[in-house]
N, C-alpha and C. Protein backbone atom coordinates (compact mmCIF):
# COMPACT_ATOMS: atom_id res chain seq x y z
N UNK A 1 53.59 -36.80 18.61
CA UNK A 1 52.31 -37.33 18.36
C UNK A 1 51.27 -36.46 18.76
N UNK A 2 51.45 -35.48 19.67
CA UNK A 2 50.29 -34.88 20.20
C UNK A 2 49.91 -33.90 19.23
N UNK A 3 51.05 -33.24 18.48
CA UNK A 3 50.80 -32.13 17.54
C UNK A 3 49.84 -32.78 16.13
N UNK A 4 50.34 -33.95 15.84
CA UNK A 4 49.41 -34.62 14.86
C UNK A 4 48.15 -34.93 15.23
N UNK A 5 47.94 -35.43 16.23
CA UNK A 5 46.46 -35.72 16.79
C UNK A 5 45.78 -34.46 16.92
N UNK A 6 46.26 -33.28 17.52
CA UNK A 6 45.67 -31.95 17.48
C UNK A 6 45.37 -31.65 16.19
N UNK A 7 46.30 -31.66 15.16
CA UNK A 7 46.07 -31.32 13.87
C UNK A 7 44.86 -32.09 13.25
N UNK A 8 44.93 -33.56 13.43
CA UNK A 8 43.76 -34.11 12.64
C UNK A 8 42.37 -33.81 13.36
N UNK A 9 42.33 -33.47 14.81
CA UNK A 9 41.04 -32.96 15.33
C UNK A 9 40.56 -31.46 14.69
N UNK A 10 41.57 -30.77 14.53
CA UNK A 10 41.28 -29.39 13.86
C UNK A 10 40.84 -29.60 12.59
N UNK A 11 41.45 -30.38 11.88
CA UNK A 11 40.79 -30.50 10.47
C UNK A 11 39.54 -31.23 10.39
N UNK A 12 39.25 -32.23 11.17
CA UNK A 12 37.89 -32.85 11.49
C UNK A 12 36.88 -31.76 12.04
N UNK A 13 37.17 -30.93 12.92
CA UNK A 13 36.38 -30.19 13.38
C UNK A 13 36.03 -28.87 12.26
N UNK A 14 36.89 -28.63 11.54
CA UNK A 14 36.78 -27.86 10.42
C UNK A 14 35.78 -28.20 9.58
N UNK A 15 35.97 -29.60 9.07
CA UNK A 15 35.14 -30.25 7.97
C UNK A 15 33.81 -30.42 8.65
N UNK A 16 33.59 -30.69 10.08
CA UNK A 16 32.26 -30.83 10.67
C UNK A 16 31.68 -29.27 10.49
N UNK A 17 32.32 -28.27 10.69
CA UNK A 17 31.71 -26.94 10.68
C UNK A 17 31.12 -26.46 9.38
N UNK A 18 31.95 -27.05 8.43
CA UNK A 18 31.67 -26.50 6.99
C UNK A 18 30.66 -27.23 6.60
N UNK A 19 30.43 -28.68 6.88
CA UNK A 19 29.06 -29.19 6.62
C UNK A 19 27.96 -28.83 7.32
N UNK A 20 27.95 -28.39 8.55
CA UNK A 20 26.97 -27.61 9.20
C UNK A 20 26.41 -26.56 8.49
N UNK A 21 27.39 -25.72 8.13
CA UNK A 21 27.09 -24.36 7.34
C UNK A 21 26.47 -24.79 6.02
N UNK A 22 26.90 -25.70 5.36
CA UNK A 22 26.32 -25.89 3.94
C UNK A 22 24.80 -26.41 4.28
N UNK A 23 24.56 -27.38 5.35
CA UNK A 23 23.33 -27.91 5.40
C UNK A 23 22.51 -27.08 6.17
N UNK A 24 22.71 -26.19 6.62
CA UNK A 24 21.75 -24.93 7.38
C UNK A 24 21.48 -23.80 6.48
N UNK A 25 22.12 -23.82 5.41
CA UNK A 25 21.83 -22.51 4.60
C UNK A 25 20.57 -22.96 3.90
N UNK A 26 19.70 -21.89 3.34
CA UNK A 26 18.54 -22.27 2.60
C UNK A 26 18.95 -22.42 0.93
N UNK A 27 18.38 -23.19 0.49
CA UNK A 27 18.46 -23.58 -1.11
C UNK A 27 18.26 -22.26 -1.79
N UNK A 28 18.92 -21.89 -2.97
CA UNK A 28 18.82 -20.98 -3.79
C UNK A 28 17.18 -20.83 -4.43
N UNK A 29 16.79 -22.06 -4.75
CA UNK A 29 15.43 -21.91 -5.33
C UNK A 29 14.27 -21.77 -4.55
N UNK A 30 14.30 -22.17 -3.23
CA UNK A 30 13.32 -21.60 -2.40
C UNK A 30 13.43 -20.07 -2.15
N UNK A 31 14.57 -19.45 -2.13
CA UNK A 31 14.70 -18.22 -1.89
C UNK A 31 14.32 -17.49 -3.17
N UNK A 32 14.44 -18.06 -4.58
CA UNK A 32 13.92 -17.39 -5.76
C UNK A 32 12.42 -17.55 -5.82
N UNK A 33 11.85 -18.70 -5.40
CA UNK A 33 10.30 -18.92 -5.51
C UNK A 33 9.87 -17.90 -4.24
N UNK A 34 10.43 -17.58 -3.20
CA UNK A 34 9.94 -16.58 -2.25
C UNK A 34 9.98 -15.06 -2.94
N UNK A 35 10.99 -14.70 -3.68
CA UNK A 35 11.08 -13.55 -4.27
C UNK A 35 10.17 -13.37 -5.43
N UNK A 36 10.11 -14.25 -6.04
CA UNK A 36 8.99 -14.37 -7.20
C UNK A 36 7.62 -13.99 -6.68
N UNK A 37 7.17 -14.90 -5.55
CA UNK A 37 6.00 -14.66 -4.73
C UNK A 37 5.71 -13.35 -4.26
N UNK A 38 6.89 -12.68 -3.70
CA UNK A 38 6.77 -11.27 -3.05
C UNK A 38 6.47 -10.26 -3.91
N UNK A 39 7.26 -10.58 -5.22
CA UNK A 39 6.97 -9.60 -6.48
C UNK A 39 5.71 -9.75 -7.26
N UNK A 40 5.24 -10.95 -7.06
CA UNK A 40 3.89 -11.09 -7.29
C UNK A 40 2.83 -10.44 -6.72
N UNK A 41 2.92 -10.51 -5.59
CA UNK A 41 2.03 -9.91 -4.35
C UNK A 41 2.24 -8.18 -4.35
N UNK A 42 3.44 -7.85 -4.66
CA UNK A 42 3.52 -6.50 -4.87
C UNK A 42 2.96 -5.95 -6.15
N UNK A 43 2.98 -6.73 -7.28
CA UNK A 43 2.46 -6.11 -8.50
C UNK A 43 0.99 -6.10 -8.40
N UNK A 44 0.35 -7.17 -7.44
CA UNK A 44 -1.06 -7.30 -7.25
C UNK A 44 -1.63 -6.21 -6.59
N UNK A 45 -0.66 -5.90 -5.36
CA UNK A 45 -1.23 -4.55 -4.67
C UNK A 45 -0.89 -3.25 -5.35
N UNK A 46 0.02 -3.18 -6.30
CA UNK A 46 -0.10 -1.82 -7.06
C UNK A 46 -1.16 -1.75 -8.07
N UNK A 47 -1.63 -2.81 -8.74
CA UNK A 47 -2.57 -2.94 -9.51
C UNK A 47 -4.08 -2.46 -8.84
N UNK A 48 -4.38 -2.96 -7.61
CA UNK A 48 -5.30 -2.72 -6.67
C UNK A 48 -5.27 -1.18 -6.36
N UNK A 49 -4.11 -0.56 -6.10
CA UNK A 49 -4.14 0.79 -5.77
C UNK A 49 -4.27 1.69 -6.93
N UNK A 50 -3.93 1.12 -8.04
CA UNK A 50 -4.21 2.04 -9.22
C UNK A 50 -5.69 2.11 -9.53
N UNK A 51 -6.61 0.81 -9.34
CA UNK A 51 -7.80 0.78 -9.53
C UNK A 51 -8.52 1.74 -8.48
N UNK A 52 -8.00 1.84 -7.51
CA UNK A 52 -8.52 2.58 -6.27
C UNK A 52 -8.28 3.99 -6.67
N UNK A 53 -7.29 4.25 -7.10
CA UNK A 53 -7.11 5.77 -7.46
C UNK A 53 -7.80 6.05 -8.62
N UNK A 54 -8.04 5.34 -9.47
CA UNK A 54 -9.04 5.62 -10.67
C UNK A 54 -10.60 5.74 -10.37
N UNK A 55 -10.95 4.91 -9.32
CA UNK A 55 -12.12 4.98 -8.76
C UNK A 55 -12.50 6.26 -7.87
N UNK A 56 -11.34 6.69 -7.44
CA UNK A 56 -11.49 7.90 -6.41
C UNK A 56 -11.75 9.03 -7.36
N UNK A 57 -10.78 9.06 -8.28
CA UNK A 57 -10.89 10.20 -9.54
C UNK A 57 -12.30 10.25 -10.10
N UNK A 58 -12.80 9.25 -10.38
CA UNK A 58 -14.17 9.13 -11.02
C UNK A 58 -15.19 9.64 -9.98
N UNK A 59 -15.00 9.43 -8.86
CA UNK A 59 -16.10 9.62 -7.74
C UNK A 59 -15.93 11.21 -7.65
N UNK A 60 -14.67 11.57 -7.74
CA UNK A 60 -14.59 13.17 -7.43
C UNK A 60 -15.04 13.90 -8.62
N UNK A 61 -14.93 13.32 -9.64
CA UNK A 61 -15.67 14.07 -10.95
C UNK A 61 -17.08 13.94 -10.86
N UNK A 62 -17.60 12.78 -10.46
CA UNK A 62 -19.23 12.74 -10.27
C UNK A 62 -19.62 13.79 -9.09
N UNK A 63 -18.78 13.86 -8.01
CA UNK A 63 -19.29 14.79 -7.02
C UNK A 63 -19.30 16.17 -7.67
N UNK A 64 -18.22 16.64 -8.20
CA UNK A 64 -17.98 18.00 -8.90
C UNK A 64 -19.23 18.29 -10.03
N UNK A 65 -19.53 17.10 -10.70
CA UNK A 65 -20.66 17.31 -11.64
C UNK A 65 -22.06 17.56 -10.87
N UNK A 66 -22.06 16.67 -9.89
CA UNK A 66 -23.50 16.99 -8.77
C UNK A 66 -23.67 18.41 -8.28
N UNK A 67 -22.13 18.76 -8.11
CA UNK A 67 -22.27 20.19 -7.27
C UNK A 67 -22.71 21.11 -8.44
N UNK A 68 -22.48 20.96 -9.71
CA UNK A 68 -22.57 22.09 -10.64
C UNK A 68 -23.81 21.98 -11.02
N UNK A 69 -24.73 20.62 -11.01
CA UNK A 69 -25.81 20.60 -11.45
C UNK A 69 -26.77 20.96 -10.14
N UNK A 70 -26.18 20.94 -8.75
CA UNK A 70 -27.26 21.46 -7.81
C UNK A 70 -27.15 23.21 -7.61
N UNK A 71 -25.92 23.62 -8.18
CA UNK A 71 -25.98 25.09 -8.32
C UNK A 71 -26.46 25.55 -9.37
N UNK A 72 -26.87 24.84 -10.64
CA UNK A 72 -27.63 25.28 -11.74
C UNK A 72 -29.27 25.36 -11.40
N UNK A 73 -29.40 24.24 -10.44
CA UNK A 73 -30.74 24.19 -10.21
C UNK A 73 -31.41 25.07 -9.12
N UNK A 74 -30.52 25.58 -8.30
CA UNK A 74 -30.89 26.58 -7.22
C UNK A 74 -31.15 27.89 -7.70
N UNK A 75 -32.21 28.74 -7.77
CA UNK A 75 -32.48 29.82 -8.34
C UNK A 75 -31.62 31.16 -7.58
N UNK A 76 -31.08 32.00 -8.18
CA UNK A 76 -30.34 32.83 -7.29
C UNK A 76 -31.26 33.67 -6.25
N UNK A 77 -30.68 34.10 -5.41
CA UNK A 77 -31.46 35.03 -4.54
C UNK A 77 -31.76 36.25 -4.80
N UNK A 78 -33.28 36.51 -4.95
CA UNK A 78 -33.75 37.70 -5.50
C UNK A 78 -34.03 38.55 -4.23
N UNK A 79 -33.86 39.80 -4.19
CA UNK A 79 -34.13 40.95 -3.08
C UNK A 79 -35.56 41.11 -3.16
N UNK A 80 -36.21 41.06 -4.07
CA UNK A 80 -37.97 41.42 -4.15
C UNK A 80 -38.48 40.32 -3.63
N UNK A 81 -37.95 38.88 -3.82
CA UNK A 81 -38.75 37.83 -3.26
C UNK A 81 -38.48 37.36 -1.80
N UNK A 82 -37.28 38.06 -1.26
CA UNK A 82 -36.95 37.87 0.03
C UNK A 82 -37.96 38.51 1.07
N UNK A 83 -38.28 37.87 2.09
CA UNK A 83 -39.22 38.29 2.86
C UNK A 83 -38.48 39.49 3.89
N UNK A 84 -39.20 40.73 4.28
CA UNK A 84 -38.49 41.56 5.10
C UNK A 84 -37.92 41.10 6.24
N UNK A 85 -36.82 41.60 6.50
CA UNK A 85 -35.93 41.18 7.84
C UNK A 85 -36.63 41.53 9.11
N UNK A 86 -37.44 42.62 9.27
CA UNK A 86 -38.09 43.28 10.38
C UNK A 86 -39.26 43.51 10.20
N UNK A 87 -40.13 43.21 11.23
CA UNK A 87 -41.62 43.42 10.90
C UNK A 87 -42.04 44.98 11.05
N UNK A 88 -42.90 45.37 10.31
CA UNK A 88 -43.33 46.88 10.50
C UNK A 88 -43.79 47.19 11.88
N UNK A 89 -43.14 48.68 12.13
CA UNK A 89 -43.59 49.02 13.43
C UNK A 89 -45.13 49.23 13.84
N UNK A 90 -45.46 48.89 14.88
CA UNK A 90 -46.74 48.88 15.32
C UNK A 90 -47.04 50.53 15.60
N UNK A 91 -48.39 51.30 15.25
CA UNK A 91 -48.47 52.65 15.68
C UNK A 91 -49.56 52.77 16.88
């Protein structure tokens, strides 16, 4: 009689444990929704990074063009136009 009671208690305990596990696991739909949301966020971040990289490239091109324009506007150093480095000696 004791072994039958013990057997029934073990079966009941296993059933309760199985129900607890099933009740506490997240549903697949919620997990899929979270994964979809994360993927959307990642795609948005990737698009923003691409736009930032494009803007940086455009800014670098503009800076290079400004450098070229500045170099073209500056006249070359002419030795005749430069003042004397030392004043003439007094006699």
